[in-house]
Amino acid sequence: MLKQISDRFADIDPHTHAPDASATDQLVAYLLELSDPIKFNPNATRVLMRELLDNRGRADTAGTWYLKSFLERLIGMVRAVPNWTNATETQALAFIYQILGAINYFSISEPTLTGIFGENAYKAHETAHPEQLEQLIRAGLAARPAA
């Protein structure tokens, strides 16, 4: 399952939506595509999050890290952004992990948010989420990495 998820991530081409765009715009387009619930269903996200959060036993014996190339690609994309060219791998990964957290947390929260706030409020949130996510990504990329 993790290999299938990783392969889907690898198939996303940041140049598809913004072929002549800046490194910033390409990364934003890529991350927004990752947040598209039609392409990445909540069940796959649940599996991915469970693997990232609750896999101590498997991590100790893992022979293959299917998400490694995906994360390395994202680190490279972050480091191609002008304000981030001098970022360390650790700084770029920290930024990416925060954004992936926002993407994944939202994608699996529908039942809980609907229960708490109601279906209409959730639908409004679902509509607002992509724009808010884009603002969050752009703000992080406009800033420089923390020292």
Protein backbone atom coordinates (compact mmCIF):
# COMPACT_ATOMS: atom_id res chain seq x y z
CA MET A 1 0.00 0.00 0.00
CA LEU A 2 2.82 2.43 0.88
CA LYS A 3 4.49 1.71 -2.45
CA GLN A 4 1.24 2.49 -4.30
CA ILE A 5 0.86 5.77 -2.41
CA SER A 6 4.50 6.66 -3.05
CA ASP A 7 4.12 5.83 -6.75
CA ARG A 8 1.08 8.12 -7.00
CA PHE A 9 3.08 10.94 -5.42
CA ALA A 10 5.94 10.32 -7.84
CA ASP A 11 3.57 10.53 -10.81
CA ILE A 12 2.64 14.13 -10.02
CA ASP A 13 4.52 16.46 -12.32
CA PRO A 14 4.82 20.00 -10.90
CA HIS A 15 5.29 21.31 -14.44
CA THR A 16 1.84 20.10 -15.54
CA HIS A 17 -0.08 23.07 -14.13
CA ALA A 18 2.73 25.60 -14.24
CA PRO A 19 5.29 24.60 -16.91
CA ASP A 20 7.04 27.99 -17.03
CA ALA A 21 6.37 28.95 -13.43
CA SER A 22 8.85 29.85 -10.75
CA ALA A 23 10.16 27.24 -8.33
CA THR A 24 7.77 28.68 -5.74
CA ASP A 25 4.72 28.36 -7.99
CA GLN A 26 5.70 24.84 -9.05
CA LEU A 27 6.03 23.72 -5.42
CA VAL A 28 2.73 25.35 -4.48
CA ALA A 29 0.98 23.65 -7.42
CA TYR A 30 2.52 20.30 -6.46
CA LEU A 31 1.47 20.57 -2.82
CA LEU A 32 -2.04 21.70 -3.72
CA GLU A 33 -2.35 18.72 -6.03
CA LEU A 34 -1.31 16.47 -3.15
CA SER A 35 -4.20 17.92 -1.16
CA ASP A 36 -6.76 17.07 -3.84
CA PRO A 37 -9.13 14.57 -2.18
CA ILE A 38 -10.26 13.22 -5.54
CA LYS A 39 -6.74 11.99 -6.34
CA PHE A 40 -5.70 10.95 -2.83
CA ASN A 41 -8.55 9.39 -0.94
CA PRO A 42 -8.82 9.63 2.83
CA ASN A 43 -8.25 5.90 3.32
CA ALA A 44 -4.84 6.07 1.66
CA THR A 45 -4.05 9.10 3.81
CA ARG A 46 -5.06 7.22 6.96
CA VAL A 47 -2.70 4.37 6.04
CA LEU A 48 0.09 6.83 5.33
CA MET A 49 -0.42 8.73 8.58
CA ARG A 50 -0.61 5.54 10.59
CA GLU A 51 2.66 4.39 9.05
CA LEU A 52 4.32 7.72 9.82
CA LEU A 53 2.96 8.01 13.34
CA ASP A 54 2.63 4.47 14.65
CA ASN A 55 5.28 2.26 13.13
CA ARG A 56 8.05 1.94 15.70
CA GLY A 57 8.28 -1.84 15.32
CA ARG A 58 8.22 -1.81 11.53
CA ALA A 59 10.63 1.14 11.32
CA ASP A 60 13.24 -0.82 13.24
CA THR A 61 13.16 -3.61 10.66
CA ALA A 62 12.21 -1.78 7.45
CA GLY A 63 14.26 -2.75 4.46
CA THR A 64 12.62 -0.37 2.01
CA TRP A 65 11.53 3.19 2.63
CA TYR A 66 8.98 3.83 -0.09
CA LEU A 67 8.47 7.49 0.83
CA LYS A 68 12.17 8.38 0.80
CA SER A 69 12.32 9.47 -2.85
CA PHE A 70 9.08 11.45 -2.42
CA LEU A 71 10.46 13.33 0.60
CA GLU A 72 13.81 13.88 -1.10
CA ARG A 73 12.01 15.32 -4.12
CA LEU A 74 10.08 17.73 -1.90
CA ILE A 75 13.26 18.76 -0.07
CA GLY A 76 14.86 19.54 -3.44
CA MET A 77 11.82 21.53 -4.54
CA VAL A 78 11.90 23.59 -1.34
CA ARG A 79 15.61 24.25 -1.73
CA ALA A 80 14.99 25.51 -5.29
CA VAL A 81 12.87 28.37 -3.90
CA PRO A 82 14.96 31.57 -3.74
CA ASN A 83 14.58 32.19 0.01
CA TRP A 84 15.38 28.55 0.72
CA THR A 85 18.44 27.86 -1.46
CA ASN A 86 20.71 27.86 1.60
CA ALA A 87 18.36 25.80 3.73
CA THR A 88 19.71 22.62 5.19
CA GLU A 89 18.02 19.34 4.41
CA THR A 90 16.69 19.35 7.97
CA GLN A 91 15.15 22.81 7.61
CA ALA A 92 13.53 21.94 4.28
CA LEU A 93 12.18 18.66 5.67
CA ALA A 94 10.77 20.43 8.74
CA PHE A 95 8.89 22.85 6.49
CA ILE A 96 7.61 20.05 4.24
CA TYR A 97 6.49 17.98 7.22
CA GLN A 98 4.46 20.89 8.57
CA ILE A 99 2.72 21.34 5.22
CA LEU A 100 2.15 17.61 4.75
CA GLY A 101 0.70 17.53 8.25
CA ALA A 102 -1.79 20.26 7.35
CA ILE A 103 -2.73 18.46 4.13
CA ASN A 104 -3.13 15.05 5.72
CA TYR A 105 -4.84 16.18 8.89
CA PHE A 106 -7.50 18.00 6.91
CA SER A 107 -8.04 15.08 4.54
CA ILE A 108 -8.99 12.67 7.33
CA SER A 109 -10.88 15.08 9.60
CA GLU A 110 -14.22 15.22 7.75
CA PRO A 111 -16.17 12.91 10.09
CA THR A 112 -14.95 14.66 13.23
CA LEU A 113 -15.34 18.22 11.92
CA THR A 114 -18.79 17.41 10.57
CA GLY A 115 -19.78 15.97 13.94
CA ILE A 116 -18.50 19.00 15.83
CA PHE A 117 -19.57 21.82 13.52
CA GLY A 118 -22.21 20.26 11.25
CA GLU A 119 -22.23 19.39 7.58
CA ASN A 120 -22.75 22.95 6.30
CA ALA A 121 -19.84 24.28 8.32
CA TYR A 122 -17.63 21.45 7.11
CA LYS A 123 -18.58 22.12 3.47
CA ALA A 124 -17.67 25.79 3.97
CA HIS A 125 -14.37 24.74 5.51
CA GLU A 126 -13.74 22.33 2.65
CA THR A 127 -14.26 25.19 0.18
CA ALA A 128 -11.96 27.55 2.10
CA HIS A 129 -9.22 25.01 2.79
CA PRO A 130 -7.31 25.12 -0.55
CA GLU A 131 -6.96 28.91 -0.46
CA GLN A 132 -5.89 28.88 3.18
CA LEU A 133 -3.44 26.07 2.46
CA GLU A 134 -1.95 28.03 -0.43
CA GLN A 135 -1.54 31.10 1.78
CA LEU A 136 0.18 28.97 4.43
CA ILE A 137 2.58 27.46 1.90
CA ARG A 138 3.39 30.81 0.30
CA ALA A 139 3.94 32.48 3.66
CA GLY A 140 6.34 29.74 4.70
CA LEU A 141 8.24 29.94 1.42
CA ALA A 142 8.39 33.75 1.57
CA ALA A 143 10.02 33.52 4.99
CA ARG A 144 13.53 32.28 5.38
CA PRO A 145 14.25 29.01 7.16
CA ALA A 146 14.59 29.26 10.92
CA ALA A 147 18.21 29.52 12.01
